[in-house]
N, C-alpha and C. Protein backbone atom coordinates (compact mmCIF):
# COMPACT_ATOMS: atom_id res chain seq x y z
N MET A 1 119.89 48.28 104.47
CA MET A 1 120.09 49.68 104.24
C MET A 1 118.81 50.47 104.52
N LYS A 2 117.68 49.93 104.08
CA LYS A 2 116.40 50.60 104.28
C LYS A 2 116.10 50.74 105.78
N ASN A 3 116.41 49.70 106.57
CA ASN A 3 116.18 49.77 108.01
C ASN A 3 117.06 50.81 108.67
N LYS A 4 118.31 50.96 108.22
CA LYS A 4 119.22 51.95 108.78
C LYS A 4 118.69 53.36 108.52
N ILE A 5 118.18 53.59 107.33
CA ILE A 5 117.63 54.90 107.00
C ILE A 5 116.39 55.17 107.84
N LEU A 6 115.55 54.19 108.04
CA LEU A 6 114.35 54.34 108.87
C LEU A 6 114.73 54.65 110.31
N ILE A 7 115.73 53.95 110.84
CA ILE A 7 116.19 54.21 112.20
C ILE A 7 116.76 55.61 112.32
N LEU A 8 117.58 56.02 111.37
CA LEU A 8 118.14 57.36 111.37
C LEU A 8 117.04 58.41 111.30
N PHE A 9 116.04 58.21 110.46
CA PHE A 9 114.91 59.13 110.35
C PHE A 9 114.18 59.24 111.69
N ALA A 10 113.92 58.11 112.34
CA ALA A 10 113.23 58.09 113.63
C ALA A 10 114.04 58.83 114.69
N LEU A 11 115.34 58.64 114.71
CA LEU A 11 116.19 59.35 115.68
C LEU A 11 116.15 60.85 115.46
N ILE A 12 116.19 61.29 114.22
CA ILE A 12 116.13 62.72 113.93
C ILE A 12 114.78 63.29 114.35
N CYS A 13 113.71 62.61 114.03
CA CYS A 13 112.36 63.11 114.34
C CYS A 13 112.08 63.15 115.84
N PHE A 14 112.58 62.17 116.56
CA PHE A 14 112.25 62.07 117.97
C PHE A 14 113.41 62.43 118.88
N SER A 15 114.45 63.04 118.36
CA SER A 15 115.63 63.34 119.17
C SER A 15 115.29 64.30 120.31
N GLY A 16 114.36 65.23 120.09
CA GLY A 16 113.97 66.12 121.17
C GLY A 16 113.41 65.36 122.34
N SER A 17 112.56 64.39 122.10
CA SER A 17 111.97 63.61 123.18
C SER A 17 113.00 62.71 123.83
N LEU A 18 113.89 62.14 123.04
CA LEU A 18 114.89 61.23 123.58
C LEU A 18 115.91 61.94 124.45
N PHE A 19 116.24 63.16 124.11
CA PHE A 19 117.29 63.86 124.83
C PHE A 19 116.74 64.96 125.74
N GLY A 20 115.50 64.86 126.12
CA GLY A 20 114.94 65.75 127.11
C GLY A 20 114.45 67.09 126.57
N GLN A 21 114.38 67.27 125.30
CA GLN A 21 113.89 68.51 124.72
C GLN A 21 112.42 68.32 124.34
N THR A 22 111.60 69.25 124.80
CA THR A 22 110.19 69.18 124.49
C THR A 22 109.78 70.32 123.57
N PHE A 23 110.23 71.52 123.86
CA PHE A 23 109.73 72.70 123.18
C PHE A 23 110.54 73.12 121.96
N SER A 24 111.85 73.00 122.03
CA SER A 24 112.68 73.60 121.00
C SER A 24 113.93 72.78 120.74
N SER A 25 114.35 72.77 119.49
CA SER A 25 115.63 72.15 119.16
C SER A 25 116.76 73.15 119.33
N GLN A 26 116.41 74.43 119.56
CA GLN A 26 117.41 75.49 119.62
C GLN A 26 117.70 75.98 121.04
N VAL A 27 116.73 75.82 121.93
CA VAL A 27 116.84 76.34 123.29
C VAL A 27 116.43 75.23 124.25
N SER A 28 117.20 75.04 125.31
CA SER A 28 116.90 73.95 126.23
C SER A 28 115.65 74.23 127.06
N ASP A 29 114.94 73.17 127.39
CA ASP A 29 113.78 73.28 128.28
C ASP A 29 114.20 73.86 129.63
N THR A 30 115.40 73.50 130.09
CA THR A 30 115.89 73.99 131.38
C THR A 30 116.05 75.50 131.36
N LEU A 31 116.59 76.05 130.28
CA LEU A 31 116.75 77.49 130.16
C LEU A 31 115.38 78.18 130.17
N ILE A 32 114.44 77.64 129.43
CA ILE A 32 113.08 78.19 129.40
C ILE A 32 112.46 78.14 130.80
N LYS A 33 112.56 76.99 131.45
CA LYS A 33 112.01 76.82 132.79
C LYS A 33 112.64 77.79 133.78
N ASN A 34 113.97 77.90 133.77
CA ASN A 34 114.65 78.79 134.70
C ASN A 34 114.25 80.25 134.50
N PHE A 35 114.14 80.66 133.25
CA PHE A 35 113.73 82.04 132.98
C PHE A 35 112.30 82.28 133.46
N LEU A 36 111.37 81.41 133.10
CA LEU A 36 109.96 81.62 133.49
C LEU A 36 109.77 81.53 134.99
N THR A 37 110.53 80.68 135.65
CA THR A 37 110.46 80.61 137.12
C THR A 37 110.94 81.92 137.72
N TRP A 38 112.02 82.47 137.18
CA TRP A 38 112.53 83.74 137.69
C TRP A 38 111.54 84.88 137.44
N VAL A 39 111.00 84.96 136.23
CA VAL A 39 110.15 86.10 135.87
C VAL A 39 108.84 86.10 136.65
N THR A 40 108.37 84.96 137.12
CA THR A 40 107.10 84.91 137.85
C THR A 40 107.24 85.16 139.35
N LYS A 41 108.44 85.41 139.81
CA LYS A 41 108.61 85.77 141.23
C LYS A 41 108.11 87.19 141.41
N PRO A 42 107.27 87.45 142.43
CA PRO A 42 106.66 88.78 142.59
C PRO A 42 107.67 89.91 142.71
N VAL A 43 108.80 89.67 143.28
CA VAL A 43 109.77 90.73 143.50
C VAL A 43 110.31 91.30 142.19
N HIS A 44 110.21 90.57 141.10
CA HIS A 44 110.75 91.03 139.84
C HIS A 44 109.75 91.78 138.99
N PHE A 45 108.51 91.79 139.37
CA PHE A 45 107.48 92.42 138.55
C PHE A 45 106.90 93.62 139.26
N ASP A 46 107.33 94.80 138.87
CA ASP A 46 106.77 96.05 139.37
C ASP A 46 106.83 96.11 140.90
N SER A 47 107.96 95.72 141.47
CA SER A 47 108.07 95.62 142.93
C SER A 47 107.98 96.97 143.62
N GLN A 48 108.34 98.07 142.95
CA GLN A 48 108.25 99.37 143.61
C GLN A 48 106.80 99.81 143.79
N ASN A 49 105.96 99.52 142.82
CA ASN A 49 104.58 100.00 142.86
C ASN A 49 103.59 99.01 143.47
N CYS A 50 104.01 97.80 143.65
CA CYS A 50 103.06 96.81 144.12
C CYS A 50 103.76 95.79 145.02
N PRO A 51 103.91 96.12 146.30
CA PRO A 51 104.61 95.19 147.21
C PRO A 51 103.76 93.96 147.51
N ALA A 52 104.43 92.87 147.85
CA ALA A 52 103.73 91.64 148.26
C ALA A 52 102.93 91.96 149.51
N PRO A 53 101.82 91.33 149.81
CA PRO A 53 101.23 90.22 149.09
C PRO A 53 100.27 90.63 147.96
N GLU A 54 100.04 91.94 147.78
CA GLU A 54 99.10 92.36 146.75
C GLU A 54 99.50 91.89 145.36
N CYS A 55 100.80 91.81 145.08
CA CYS A 55 101.27 91.40 143.76
C CYS A 55 101.55 89.91 143.66
N THR A 56 101.33 89.20 144.72
CA THR A 56 101.60 87.77 144.66
C THR A 56 100.61 87.10 143.73
N VAL A 57 101.13 86.41 142.75
CA VAL A 57 100.31 85.69 141.78
C VAL A 57 100.82 84.26 141.78
N ASP A 58 99.99 83.35 142.25
CA ASP A 58 100.43 81.97 142.45
C ASP A 58 100.08 81.04 141.31
N PHE A 59 99.36 81.52 140.31
CA PHE A 59 98.89 80.64 139.25
C PHE A 59 99.37 81.13 137.89
N VAL A 60 99.47 80.19 136.97
CA VAL A 60 99.86 80.48 135.59
C VAL A 60 98.77 79.94 134.68
N SER A 61 98.38 80.75 133.71
CA SER A 61 97.42 80.27 132.73
C SER A 61 98.01 79.09 131.98
N SER A 62 97.19 78.07 131.79
CA SER A 62 97.67 76.90 131.05
C SER A 62 97.86 77.22 129.57
N LYS A 63 97.28 78.33 129.12
CA LYS A 63 97.41 78.72 127.71
C LYS A 63 98.66 79.59 127.53
N ILE A 64 99.41 79.30 126.50
CA ILE A 64 100.62 80.04 126.20
C ILE A 64 100.25 81.32 125.45
N VAL A 65 100.82 82.44 125.88
CA VAL A 65 100.64 83.69 125.14
C VAL A 65 101.52 83.61 123.91
N GLU A 66 100.91 83.74 122.76
CA GLU A 66 101.67 83.65 121.52
C GLU A 66 102.45 84.94 121.31
N PHE A 67 103.71 84.80 121.02
CA PHE A 67 104.53 85.95 120.67
C PHE A 67 104.25 86.23 119.20
N ASP A 68 103.15 86.93 118.96
CA ASP A 68 102.69 87.11 117.59
C ASP A 68 103.60 88.05 116.81
N THR A 69 103.34 88.15 115.55
CA THR A 69 104.17 88.94 114.65
C THR A 69 104.19 90.41 115.07
N LEU A 70 103.05 90.94 115.53
CA LEU A 70 102.99 92.34 115.94
C LEU A 70 103.87 92.59 117.17
N ALA A 71 103.79 91.72 118.16
CA ALA A 71 104.62 91.89 119.37
C ALA A 71 106.09 91.79 119.03
N LEU A 72 106.44 90.85 118.17
CA LEU A 72 107.85 90.70 117.78
C LEU A 72 108.30 91.92 116.97
N LYS A 73 107.45 92.40 116.08
CA LYS A 73 107.81 93.58 115.28
C LYS A 73 108.01 94.79 116.18
N LEU A 74 107.11 95.00 117.14
CA LEU A 74 107.25 96.09 118.10
C LEU A 74 108.56 95.96 118.87
N SER A 75 108.87 94.75 119.30
CA SER A 75 110.10 94.50 120.05
C SER A 75 111.33 94.82 119.21
N LEU A 76 111.34 94.37 117.96
CA LEU A 76 112.49 94.60 117.10
C LEU A 76 112.63 96.08 116.73
N GLU A 77 111.51 96.78 116.53
CA GLU A 77 111.56 98.22 116.26
C GLU A 77 112.12 98.97 117.46
N THR A 78 111.72 98.56 118.67
CA THR A 78 112.23 99.19 119.89
C THR A 78 113.72 98.94 120.03
N ILE A 79 114.17 97.75 119.70
CA ILE A 79 115.60 97.43 119.76
C ILE A 79 116.39 98.38 118.86
N LYS A 80 115.90 98.61 117.65
CA LYS A 80 116.59 99.53 116.73
C LYS A 80 116.55 100.96 117.26
N LYS A 81 115.37 101.40 117.69
CA LYS A 81 115.19 102.77 118.16
C LYS A 81 116.03 103.06 119.40
N GLU A 82 116.17 102.09 120.28
CA GLU A 82 116.90 102.28 121.54
C GLU A 82 118.38 101.93 121.43
N ASN A 83 118.86 101.76 120.20
CA ASN A 83 120.28 101.44 119.96
C ASN A 83 120.73 100.18 120.67
N LEU A 84 119.89 99.18 120.69
CA LEU A 84 120.26 97.89 121.27
C LEU A 84 120.78 96.94 120.19
N ASP A 85 121.12 97.51 119.03
CA ASP A 85 121.65 96.69 117.93
C ASP A 85 122.94 95.99 118.34
N SER A 86 123.67 96.58 119.28
CA SER A 86 124.91 95.93 119.74
C SER A 86 124.61 94.67 120.54
N VAL A 87 123.42 94.59 121.10
CA VAL A 87 123.00 93.41 121.86
C VAL A 87 122.40 92.36 120.93
N PHE A 88 121.59 92.80 119.99
CA PHE A 88 120.88 91.90 119.08
C PHE A 88 121.41 92.06 117.66
N SER A 89 122.20 91.11 117.23
CA SER A 89 122.73 91.13 115.87
C SER A 89 121.65 90.66 114.90
N ALA A 90 121.93 90.81 113.63
CA ALA A 90 121.00 90.31 112.60
C ALA A 90 120.80 88.80 112.75
N GLN A 91 121.86 88.09 113.12
CA GLN A 91 121.76 86.64 113.33
C GLN A 91 120.88 86.32 114.54
N ASP A 92 120.97 87.16 115.59
CA ASP A 92 120.11 86.96 116.77
C ASP A 92 118.64 87.13 116.39
N ILE A 93 118.36 88.14 115.60
CA ILE A 93 116.97 88.39 115.20
C ILE A 93 116.44 87.24 114.35
N THR A 94 117.25 86.74 113.44
CA THR A 94 116.86 85.57 112.66
C THR A 94 116.62 84.38 113.57
N PHE A 95 117.48 84.19 114.56
CA PHE A 95 117.35 83.11 115.53
C PHE A 95 116.06 83.23 116.33
N MET A 96 115.71 84.45 116.74
CA MET A 96 114.48 84.69 117.50
C MET A 96 113.25 84.40 116.64
N LYS A 97 113.29 84.83 115.39
CA LYS A 97 112.15 84.57 114.50
C LYS A 97 111.98 83.06 114.28
N SER A 98 113.09 82.36 114.21
CA SER A 98 113.04 80.90 114.06
C SER A 98 112.41 80.25 115.30
N GLN A 99 112.77 80.75 116.48
CA GLN A 99 112.16 80.25 117.72
C GLN A 99 110.67 80.54 117.74
N GLN A 100 110.30 81.75 117.31
CA GLN A 100 108.89 82.12 117.28
C GLN A 100 108.10 81.11 116.44
N GLN A 101 108.64 80.75 115.30
CA GLN A 101 107.98 79.76 114.44
C GLN A 101 107.90 78.41 115.13
N GLU A 102 108.98 78.01 115.75
CA GLU A 102 109.02 76.71 116.42
C GLU A 102 108.03 76.65 117.58
N PHE A 103 107.96 77.73 118.34
CA PHE A 103 107.08 77.76 119.51
C PHE A 103 105.60 77.93 119.14
N SER A 104 105.32 78.40 117.94
CA SER A 104 103.93 78.68 117.56
C SER A 104 103.05 77.42 117.54
N HIS A 105 103.67 76.26 117.54
CA HIS A 105 102.91 75.01 117.52
C HIS A 105 102.36 74.63 118.90
N PHE A 106 102.85 75.27 119.94
CA PHE A 106 102.43 74.93 121.30
C PHE A 106 101.36 75.90 121.76
N LYS A 107 100.27 75.37 122.29
CA LYS A 107 99.16 76.20 122.74
C LYS A 107 98.99 76.17 124.26
N THR A 108 99.46 75.09 124.91
CA THR A 108 99.35 74.98 126.37
C THR A 108 100.70 74.55 126.93
N TRP A 109 100.93 74.93 128.20
CA TRP A 109 102.17 74.58 128.87
C TRP A 109 102.17 73.11 129.27
N ASN A 110 103.33 72.51 129.27
CA ASN A 110 103.53 71.12 129.66
C ASN A 110 103.91 71.10 131.14
N SER A 111 103.02 70.64 131.99
CA SER A 111 103.26 70.70 133.44
C SER A 111 104.39 69.80 133.90
N SER A 112 104.77 68.82 133.12
CA SER A 112 105.90 67.99 133.53
C SER A 112 107.23 68.72 133.31
N ILE A 113 107.26 69.69 132.43
CA ILE A 113 108.46 70.48 132.19
C ILE A 113 108.45 71.76 133.03
N LEU A 114 107.31 72.41 133.09
CA LEU A 114 107.17 73.66 133.83
C LEU A 114 106.18 73.45 134.96
N PRO A 115 106.67 73.13 136.15
CA PRO A 115 105.79 72.76 137.26
C PRO A 115 105.18 73.96 138.00
N PHE A 116 104.27 74.65 137.33
CA PHE A 116 103.55 75.76 137.95
C PHE A 116 102.16 75.29 138.38
N ASN A 117 101.48 76.11 139.16
CA ASN A 117 100.08 75.88 139.48
C ASN A 117 99.27 76.47 138.33
N TYR A 118 98.75 75.61 137.46
CA TYR A 118 98.06 76.07 136.26
C TYR A 118 96.57 76.26 136.51
N VAL A 119 96.03 77.24 135.79
CA VAL A 119 94.58 77.47 135.78
C VAL A 119 94.15 77.62 134.33
N ASN A 120 92.90 77.28 134.08
CA ASN A 120 92.30 77.52 132.78
C ASN A 120 91.46 78.79 132.93
N PRO A 121 91.86 79.90 132.30
CA PRO A 121 91.14 81.17 132.47
C PRO A 121 89.65 81.09 132.15
N GLU A 122 89.26 80.19 131.27
CA GLU A 122 87.85 80.06 130.90
C GLU A 122 87.02 79.41 131.99
N LEU A 123 87.66 78.81 132.98
CA LEU A 123 86.94 78.12 134.05
C LEU A 123 87.12 78.79 135.41
N LEU A 124 87.45 80.06 135.44
CA LEU A 124 87.75 80.74 136.70
C LEU A 124 86.53 81.34 137.40
N SER A 125 85.42 81.42 136.76
CA SER A 125 84.27 82.14 137.35
C SER A 125 83.86 81.59 138.71
N ASP A 126 83.98 80.30 138.93
CA ASP A 126 83.60 79.71 140.21
C ASP A 126 84.81 79.43 141.10
N SER A 127 85.93 79.99 140.76
CA SER A 127 87.18 79.69 141.45
C SER A 127 87.54 80.81 142.43
N ASN A 128 88.37 80.50 143.39
CA ASN A 128 88.91 81.52 144.30
C ASN A 128 90.12 82.22 143.70
N THR A 129 90.58 81.75 142.58
CA THR A 129 91.73 82.36 141.91
C THR A 129 91.31 83.68 141.31
N GLU A 130 91.99 84.75 141.72
CA GLU A 130 91.66 86.06 141.17
C GLU A 130 92.66 86.52 140.12
N LYS A 131 93.96 86.28 140.35
CA LYS A 131 95.00 86.74 139.44
C LYS A 131 95.83 85.56 138.96
N TYR A 132 96.32 85.68 137.74
CA TYR A 132 97.17 84.62 137.20
C TYR A 132 98.10 85.21 136.15
N TRP A 133 99.24 84.55 135.97
CA TRP A 133 100.20 84.92 134.95
C TRP A 133 99.76 84.40 133.59
N GLU A 134 100.10 85.14 132.56
CA GLU A 134 100.00 84.68 131.17
C GLU A 134 101.41 84.86 130.60
N LEU A 135 102.00 83.77 130.15
CA LEU A 135 103.40 83.80 129.75
C LEU A 135 103.60 83.36 128.30
N SER A 136 104.54 84.01 127.65
CA SER A 136 104.97 83.57 126.32
C SER A 136 106.25 82.76 126.50
N PHE A 137 106.63 82.09 125.45
CA PHE A 137 107.98 81.54 125.41
C PHE A 137 108.94 82.71 125.32
N PRO A 138 110.03 82.70 126.05
CA PRO A 138 111.05 83.73 125.84
C PRO A 138 111.78 83.45 124.53
N LEU A 139 112.11 84.50 123.81
CA LEU A 139 112.87 84.37 122.57
C LEU A 139 114.31 84.79 122.86
N PHE A 140 115.23 83.86 122.79
CA PHE A 140 116.61 84.07 123.20
C PHE A 140 117.51 84.46 122.03
N THR A 141 118.60 85.15 122.37
CA THR A 141 119.66 85.40 121.42
C THR A 141 120.47 84.11 121.25
N ILE A 142 121.34 84.09 120.26
CA ILE A 142 122.13 82.89 119.99
C ILE A 142 122.97 82.49 121.20
N ASN A 143 123.56 83.47 121.90
CA ASN A 143 124.41 83.15 123.06
C ASN A 143 123.62 82.91 124.34
N LYS A 144 122.30 83.03 124.27
CA LYS A 144 121.37 82.76 125.38
C LYS A 144 121.56 83.72 126.58
N GLN A 145 122.19 84.86 126.33
CA GLN A 145 122.41 85.84 127.39
C GLN A 145 121.34 86.92 127.43
N TYR A 146 120.52 87.00 126.39
CA TYR A 146 119.44 87.99 126.31
C TYR A 146 118.19 87.30 125.79
N CYS A 147 117.05 87.85 126.18
CA CYS A 147 115.80 87.35 125.61
C CYS A 147 114.75 88.43 125.66
N ILE A 148 113.70 88.22 124.89
CA ILE A 148 112.51 89.07 124.90
C ILE A 148 111.37 88.15 125.33
N ALA A 149 110.51 88.65 126.22
CA ALA A 149 109.39 87.81 126.67
C ALA A 149 108.18 88.66 127.01
N ILE A 150 107.03 88.02 126.94
CA ILE A 150 105.77 88.62 127.37
C ILE A 150 105.38 87.96 128.69
N SER A 151 105.12 88.79 129.69
CA SER A 151 104.64 88.26 130.98
C SER A 151 103.52 89.17 131.46
N ASN A 152 102.31 88.69 131.34
CA ASN A 152 101.12 89.46 131.72
C ASN A 152 100.56 88.95 133.04
N ILE A 153 99.87 89.83 133.73
CA ILE A 153 99.07 89.42 134.88
C ILE A 153 97.63 89.75 134.54
N SER A 154 96.74 88.78 134.68
CA SER A 154 95.32 88.99 134.39
C SER A 154 94.49 88.59 135.59
N CYS A 155 93.26 89.07 135.60
CA CYS A 155 92.30 88.69 136.63
C CYS A 155 91.12 88.01 135.97
N LYS A 156 90.38 87.26 136.78
CA LYS A 156 89.19 86.67 136.20
C LYS A 156 88.20 87.76 135.81
N GLU A 157 87.26 87.41 134.97
CA GLU A 157 86.42 88.37 134.26
C GLU A 157 85.83 89.49 135.11
N ASP A 158 85.34 89.21 136.28
CA ASP A 158 84.65 90.24 137.06
C ASP A 158 85.58 91.08 137.94
N HIS A 159 86.91 90.92 137.80
CA HIS A 159 87.83 91.67 138.64
C HIS A 159 88.61 92.76 137.88
N TYR A 160 88.48 92.84 136.58
CA TYR A 160 89.00 93.92 135.75
C TYR A 160 90.40 94.40 136.12
N CYS A 161 91.36 93.60 135.91
CA CYS A 161 92.74 94.06 136.02
C CYS A 161 93.55 93.36 134.94
N PHE A 162 94.56 94.06 134.50
CA PHE A 162 95.40 93.48 133.47
C PHE A 162 96.71 94.26 133.44
N VAL A 163 97.80 93.56 133.39
CA VAL A 163 99.11 94.16 133.20
C VAL A 163 99.75 93.44 132.03
N LYS A 164 100.08 94.18 130.98
CA LYS A 164 100.76 93.61 129.82
C LYS A 164 102.19 94.11 129.86
N TYR A 165 103.11 93.17 129.76
CA TYR A 165 104.51 93.53 129.92
C TYR A 165 105.36 92.78 128.91
N ILE A 166 106.07 93.52 128.06
CA ILE A 166 107.04 92.95 127.14
C ILE A 166 108.36 93.63 127.47
N ALA A 167 109.42 92.84 127.65
CA ALA A 167 110.70 93.43 128.03
C ALA A 167 111.86 92.64 127.44
N VAL A 168 113.01 93.31 127.41
CA VAL A 168 114.27 92.68 127.06
C VAL A 168 114.98 92.37 128.38
N PHE A 169 115.42 91.14 128.51
CA PHE A 169 116.08 90.68 129.72
C PHE A 169 117.52 90.27 129.41
N GLN A 170 118.40 90.44 130.41
CA GLN A 170 119.79 90.00 130.29
C GLN A 170 120.10 89.04 131.43
N ARG A 171 120.78 87.95 131.10
CA ARG A 171 121.17 86.98 132.13
C ARG A 171 122.43 87.49 132.82
N LYS A 172 122.40 87.47 134.16
CA LYS A 172 123.55 87.86 134.95
C LYS A 172 124.44 86.65 135.21
N ALA A 173 125.61 86.89 135.73
CA ALA A 173 126.59 85.83 135.98
C ALA A 173 126.05 84.76 136.93
N ASN A 174 125.18 85.14 137.87
CA ASN A 174 124.64 84.18 138.84
C ASN A 174 123.46 83.38 138.28
N GLY A 175 123.11 83.59 137.00
CA GLY A 175 122.02 82.85 136.38
C GLY A 175 120.68 83.54 136.47
N ASN A 176 120.56 84.56 137.33
CA ASN A 176 119.32 85.33 137.39
C ASN A 176 119.27 86.28 136.19
N TRP A 177 118.16 86.94 136.04
CA TRP A 177 117.94 87.83 134.91
C TRP A 177 117.68 89.24 135.40
N THR A 178 117.90 90.21 134.58
CA THR A 178 117.57 91.59 134.89
C THR A 178 116.90 92.21 133.66
N ILE A 179 116.02 93.15 133.89
CA ILE A 179 115.34 93.84 132.80
C ILE A 179 116.25 94.96 132.32
N ILE A 180 116.58 94.97 131.03
CA ILE A 180 117.40 96.06 130.51
C ILE A 180 116.59 97.06 129.70
N LYS A 181 115.40 96.65 129.24
CA LYS A 181 114.55 97.59 128.50
C LYS A 181 113.10 97.12 128.52
N GLU A 182 112.22 98.01 128.99
CA GLU A 182 110.78 97.75 128.87
C GLU A 182 110.35 98.12 127.46
N ILE A 183 109.70 97.21 126.79
CA ILE A 183 109.18 97.49 125.45
C ILE A 183 107.74 97.95 125.53
N MET A 184 106.98 97.31 126.41
CA MET A 184 105.59 97.71 126.63
C MET A 184 105.24 97.40 128.09
N HIS A 185 104.60 98.36 128.73
CA HIS A 185 104.11 98.17 130.10
C HIS A 185 102.80 98.92 130.21
N MET A 186 101.70 98.18 130.14
CA MET A 186 100.36 98.77 130.22
C MET A 186 99.64 98.18 131.41
N GLU A 187 98.93 99.00 132.14
CA GLU A 187 98.12 98.52 133.26
C GLU A 187 96.73 99.14 133.17
N TYR A 188 95.75 98.30 133.48
CA TYR A 188 94.38 98.80 133.64
C TYR A 188 93.56 97.83 134.43
């Protein structure tokens, strides 16, 4: 009996690893990967004001942008103010806060799950890399049709550029995403 309980405990603790889940027990790694791959395509980020190749950013910071309490609070206040309550139920908000807690344990991206060209921003001074993405985990609704995410573009220290972007996204029938509300868009 003791061995059965130990085996059951081990299965529960390691079920994410056994069944291909790395980041979350609530959201699939594939959904996270597909969203982040879509959001980092240059055509989806400020395409009217910054045509390729100037906006092409080929690298992702290895450090995860934390969806901190302030960013989440700002996002939720914007949802209420913009009458997006029909999109985000109270259960969705609870679900998003739960994801935020779950994701807070991760500080760097796992390259075996998210195959981007990673850079360490602290080591860019001698690099040819000028711009790179900084990405948060997307926080999804229960039905996985909407999410809130942070996607920034930064430059290495001596190039002084930064774009901070928090938005609400909706998944379309073809699996791509569209921005339905900008929560924050700052450039300098």
